[in-house]
Amino acid sequence: MLSIVYFAWVREAIGLDEEQVERPAPGARVADLIAMLAARGGGYAQALGHSEKLRAAIDQHFVPIDSVIGDAREVAIFPPVTGG
């Protein structure tokens, strides 16, 4: 299993902080995982339908959306972070 953690408006649209999903096929990228989740429809489609607006972390390390998930334990999905 793979733990998916959601933050900010992604979490609000989906209605979950975290969930467990079946591990994607070997070689799957974060973008593939996001597309699979968005295909669920509803809040998933709303939050994840435009992956270019999202950021990700694999095992708490920021990564590009096209990164391979590999043997990660956790993928976090969140909107761009702004500072101030």
C-alpha atoms as a PDB file:
ATOM      1  CA  MET A   1       0.000   0.000   0.000  1.00  0.00           C
ATOM      2  CA  LEU A   2       0.983   3.621  -0.587  1.00  0.00           C
ATOM      3  CA  SER A   3       0.021   6.469   1.721  1.00  0.00           C
ATOM      4  CA  ILE A   4      -1.297   9.604  -0.006  1.00  0.00           C
ATOM      5  CA  VAL A   5      -1.378  12.820   2.037  1.00  0.00           C
ATOM      6  CA  TYR A   6      -3.368  15.873   0.925  1.00  0.00           C
ATOM      7  CA  PHE A   7      -2.849  19.490   2.003  1.00  0.00           C
ATOM      8  CA  ALA A   8      -4.676  22.843   1.815  1.00  0.00           C
ATOM      9  CA  TRP A   9      -7.466  23.185  -0.773  1.00  0.00           C
ATOM     10  CA  VAL A  10      -6.618  19.750  -2.197  1.00  0.00           C
ATOM     11  CA  ARG A  11      -7.522  18.232   1.183  1.00  0.00           C
ATOM     12  CA  GLU A  12     -10.667  20.338   1.421  1.00  0.00           C
ATOM     13  CA  ALA A  13     -11.936  19.347  -2.040  1.00  0.00           C
ATOM     14  CA  ILE A  14     -11.266  15.638  -1.509  1.00  0.00           C
ATOM     15  CA  GLY A  15     -12.446  15.613   2.098  1.00  0.00           C
ATOM     16  CA  LEU A  16      -9.540  13.537   3.396  1.00  0.00           C
ATOM     17  CA  ASP A  17      -6.230  14.299   5.068  1.00  0.00           C
ATOM     18  CA  GLU A  18      -4.728  10.978   4.063  1.00  0.00           C
ATOM     19  CA  GLU A  19      -5.616   7.635   2.496  1.00  0.00           C
ATOM     20  CA  GLN A  20      -4.018   4.345   1.520  1.00  0.00           C
ATOM     21  CA  VAL A  21      -4.091   3.214  -2.107  1.00  0.00           C
ATOM     22  CA  GLU A  22      -2.794   0.203  -3.982  1.00  0.00           C
ATOM     23  CA  ARG A  23       0.775   0.774  -5.090  1.00  0.00           C
ATOM     24  CA  PRO A  24       0.884   1.849  -8.759  1.00  0.00           C
ATOM     25  CA  ALA A  25       2.700  -0.257 -11.346  1.00  0.00           C
ATOM     26  CA  PRO A  26       6.513  -0.138 -11.346  1.00  0.00           C
ATOM     27  CA  GLY A  27       7.726   2.950 -13.155  1.00  0.00           C
ATOM     28  CA  ALA A  28       4.579   4.945 -12.365  1.00  0.00           C
ATOM     29  CA  ARG A  29       5.116   8.656 -11.896  1.00  0.00           C
ATOM     30  CA  VAL A  30       3.431  11.025  -9.472  1.00  0.00           C
ATOM     31  CA  ALA A  31       1.543  12.465 -12.460  1.00  0.00           C
ATOM     32  CA  ASP A  32       0.173   8.983 -13.218  1.00  0.00           C
ATOM     33  CA  LEU A  33      -1.001   8.602  -9.622  1.00  0.00           C
ATOM     34  CA  ILE A  34      -2.676  12.023  -9.725  1.00  0.00           C
ATOM     35  CA  ALA A  35      -4.448  11.134 -12.988  1.00  0.00           C
ATOM     36  CA  MET A  36      -5.642   7.831 -11.504  1.00  0.00           C
ATOM     37  CA  LEU A  37      -7.033   9.604  -8.449  1.00  0.00           C
ATOM     38  CA  ALA A  38      -8.636  12.401 -10.523  1.00  0.00           C
ATOM     39  CA  ALA A  39     -10.460   9.739 -12.545  1.00  0.00           C
ATOM     40  CA  ARG A  40     -12.462   8.908  -9.402  1.00  0.00           C
ATOM     41  CA  GLY A  41     -14.489  12.052 -10.126  1.00  0.00           C
ATOM     42  CA  GLY A  42     -16.148  14.396  -7.632  1.00  0.00           C
ATOM     43  CA  GLY A  43     -13.779  16.215  -5.303  1.00  0.00           C
ATOM     44  CA  TYR A  44     -10.846  14.222  -6.661  1.00  0.00           C
ATOM     45  CA  ALA A  45     -11.458  15.519 -10.178  1.00  0.00           C
ATOM     46  CA  GLN A  46     -11.934  19.041  -8.856  1.00  0.00           C
ATOM     47  CA  ALA A  47      -8.716  19.024  -6.830  1.00  0.00           C
ATOM     48  CA  LEU A  48      -6.494  16.913  -9.066  1.00  0.00           C
ATOM     49  CA  GLY A  49      -7.826  17.576 -12.553  1.00  0.00           C
ATOM     50  CA  HIS A  50      -5.055  20.048 -13.380  1.00  0.00           C
ATOM     51  CA  SER A  51      -1.814  18.476 -12.196  1.00  0.00           C
ATOM     52  CA  GLU A  52       0.190  21.436 -13.528  1.00  0.00           C
ATOM     53  CA  LYS A  53      -1.254  23.426 -10.602  1.00  0.00           C
ATOM     54  CA  LEU A  54      -0.003  20.922  -8.019  1.00  0.00           C
ATOM     55  CA  ARG A  55       3.216  20.143  -6.214  1.00  0.00           C
ATOM     56  CA  ALA A  56       4.330  16.848  -4.721  1.00  0.00           C
ATOM     57  CA  ALA A  57       6.669  15.269  -2.230  1.00  0.00           C
ATOM     58  CA  ILE A  58       7.832  11.680  -2.057  1.00  0.00           C
ATOM     59  CA  ASP A  59       8.726  10.535   1.450  1.00  0.00           C
ATOM     60  CA  GLN A  60       8.810  14.191   2.559  1.00  0.00           C
ATOM     61  CA  HIS A  61      11.150  15.404  -0.203  1.00  0.00           C
ATOM     62  CA  PHE A  62       9.866  17.869  -2.793  1.00  0.00           C
ATOM     63  CA  VAL A  63       9.900  16.346  -6.278  1.00  0.00           C
ATOM     64  CA  PRO A  64       8.737  17.269  -9.781  1.00  0.00           C
ATOM     65  CA  ILE A  65       5.314  15.870 -10.723  1.00  0.00           C
ATOM     66  CA  ASP A  66       6.950  13.643 -13.356  1.00  0.00           C
ATOM     67  CA  SER A  67       9.092  11.843 -10.734  1.00  0.00           C
ATOM     68  CA  VAL A  68       8.904   8.054 -10.478  1.00  0.00           C
ATOM     69  CA  ILE A  69       7.243   6.887  -7.245  1.00  0.00           C
ATOM     70  CA  GLY A  70       9.442   3.815  -6.917  1.00  0.00           C
ATOM     71  CA  ASP A  71       9.333   2.139  -3.503  1.00  0.00           C
ATOM     72  CA  ALA A  72       8.146   5.266  -1.663  1.00  0.00           C
ATOM     73  CA  ARG A  73       5.996   4.916   1.431  1.00  0.00           C
ATOM     74  CA  GLU A  74       4.252   8.282   1.077  1.00  0.00           C
ATOM     75  CA  VAL A  75       3.283  10.757  -1.626  1.00  0.00           C
ATOM     76  CA  ALA A  76       2.058  14.197  -0.566  1.00  0.00           C
ATOM     77  CA  ILE A  77       0.008  16.340  -2.939  1.00  0.00           C
ATOM     78  CA  PHE A  78      -0.480  20.049  -2.356  1.00  0.00           C
ATOM     79  CA  PRO A  79      -0.936  23.393  -4.098  1.00  0.00           C
ATOM     80  CA  PRO A  80       2.058  25.662  -4.739  1.00  0.00           C
ATOM     81  CA  VAL A  81       3.407  27.117  -1.523  1.00  0.00           C
ATOM     82  CA  THR A  82       3.661  30.879  -1.244  1.00  0.00           C
ATOM     83  CA  GLY A  83       5.631  32.706   1.374  1.00  0.00           C
ATOM     84  CA  GLY A  84       5.479  36.055   2.912  1.00  0.00           C
END
